[in-house]
Amino acid sequence: MSVDVTLLPATIPHRFRDEDLSRIRRFEDRTDAGQIRFEYSIPESGSLIVWRVTDPHVTAAVETVFGPAAWEEVQGDLHRSLH
């Protein structure tokens, strides 16, 4: 399952608020260059980490991080660390 992150309205710069910009950032699973899945985790800090997973037996790579005041909702698969 892909990961969809809904950003808080305050994260969109004022000059773009009148435009029809989506607050949803989508990290879509794909198979074009091998299997790539996206998962998320939320550490104690409240940040949201989106992980890029190419092989479930190999350590995942961080795709992006949203600070705790930047995001409102997330949907997708929870990242399970190998540690």
Protein backbone atom coordinates (compact mmCIF):
# COMPACT_ATOMS: atom_id res chain seq x y z
CA MET A 1 0.00 0.00 0.00
CA SER A 2 1.23 3.48 -0.77
CA VAL A 3 1.63 6.12 1.93
CA ASP A 4 -0.57 9.23 1.82
CA VAL A 5 0.31 12.17 4.08
CA THR A 6 -2.12 15.04 4.64
CA LEU A 7 -0.26 18.24 5.45
CA LEU A 8 -1.61 20.92 7.76
CA PRO A 9 -2.89 24.03 5.92
CA ALA A 10 -0.26 26.17 7.67
CA THR A 11 2.50 24.28 5.82
CA ILE A 12 1.39 25.68 2.45
CA PRO A 13 2.99 29.09 1.74
CA HIS A 14 0.56 32.05 1.62
CA ARG A 15 1.27 32.73 -2.07
CA PHE A 16 -0.03 29.25 -2.97
CA ARG A 17 -3.05 29.03 -0.67
CA ASP A 18 -5.45 30.51 -3.24
CA GLU A 19 -4.39 27.96 -5.83
CA ASP A 20 -5.89 24.51 -5.98
CA LEU A 21 -2.99 22.72 -4.29
CA SER A 22 -3.60 19.39 -2.68
CA ARG A 23 -2.50 19.02 0.92
CA ILE A 24 -1.99 15.30 0.28
CA ARG A 25 1.49 14.05 -0.57
CA ARG A 26 1.43 10.56 -2.06
CA PHE A 27 4.31 8.12 -2.02
CA GLU A 28 3.12 5.46 -4.43
CA ASP A 29 4.43 1.90 -4.51
CA ARG A 30 5.89 0.95 -7.88
CA THR A 31 7.39 -1.92 -9.77
CA ASP A 32 9.02 -0.12 -12.73
CA ALA A 33 12.59 -0.62 -11.43
CA GLY A 34 12.02 -3.55 -9.13
CA GLN A 35 9.62 -3.65 -6.20
CA ILE A 36 9.56 -0.38 -4.22
CA ARG A 37 7.19 -0.02 -1.29
CA PHE A 38 6.64 2.92 1.00
CA GLU A 39 5.92 2.62 4.71
CA TYR A 40 5.81 5.12 7.56
CA SER A 41 6.78 5.40 11.21
CA ILE A 42 6.14 7.98 13.91
CA PRO A 43 8.88 8.21 16.54
CA GLU A 44 8.33 9.71 20.00
CA SER A 45 9.19 13.18 18.64
CA GLY A 46 5.93 13.20 16.64
CA SER A 47 7.75 13.50 13.33
CA LEU A 48 6.57 11.37 10.44
CA ILE A 49 9.17 9.33 8.57
CA VAL A 50 8.38 7.87 5.15
CA TRP A 51 10.57 4.85 4.36
CA ARG A 52 11.48 3.44 0.93
CA VAL A 53 11.65 -0.36 1.12
CA THR A 54 13.14 -2.25 -1.80
CA ASP A 55 13.64 -5.59 -0.06
CA PRO A 56 11.99 -6.61 3.22
CA HIS A 57 15.24 -8.31 4.31
CA VAL A 58 17.41 -5.21 3.78
CA THR A 59 17.46 -2.00 5.81
CA ALA A 60 15.01 0.57 4.44
CA ALA A 61 16.05 4.07 3.38
CA VAL A 62 14.45 7.30 4.56
CA GLU A 63 12.51 8.89 1.71
CA THR A 64 11.45 12.03 3.62
CA VAL A 65 10.65 13.36 7.09
CA PHE A 66 7.84 15.70 8.10
CA GLY A 67 8.13 17.61 11.37
CA PRO A 68 5.41 17.16 14.00
CA ALA A 69 3.78 20.49 13.12
CA ALA A 70 3.69 19.75 9.37
CA TRP A 71 1.36 16.79 9.05
CA GLU A 72 -2.20 16.05 10.09
CA GLU A 73 -2.96 12.49 8.97
CA VAL A 74 -1.22 9.50 7.43
CA GLN A 75 -2.51 6.37 5.75
CA GLY A 76 -0.53 3.36 4.65
CA ASP A 77 1.56 0.53 6.06
CA LEU A 78 3.46 0.95 9.32
CA HIS A 79 7.22 0.44 8.98
CA ARG A 80 8.59 -2.40 11.08
CA SER A 81 12.27 -2.05 11.83
CA LEU A 82 14.57 -5.05 11.58
CA HIS A 83 16.12 -4.12 14.95
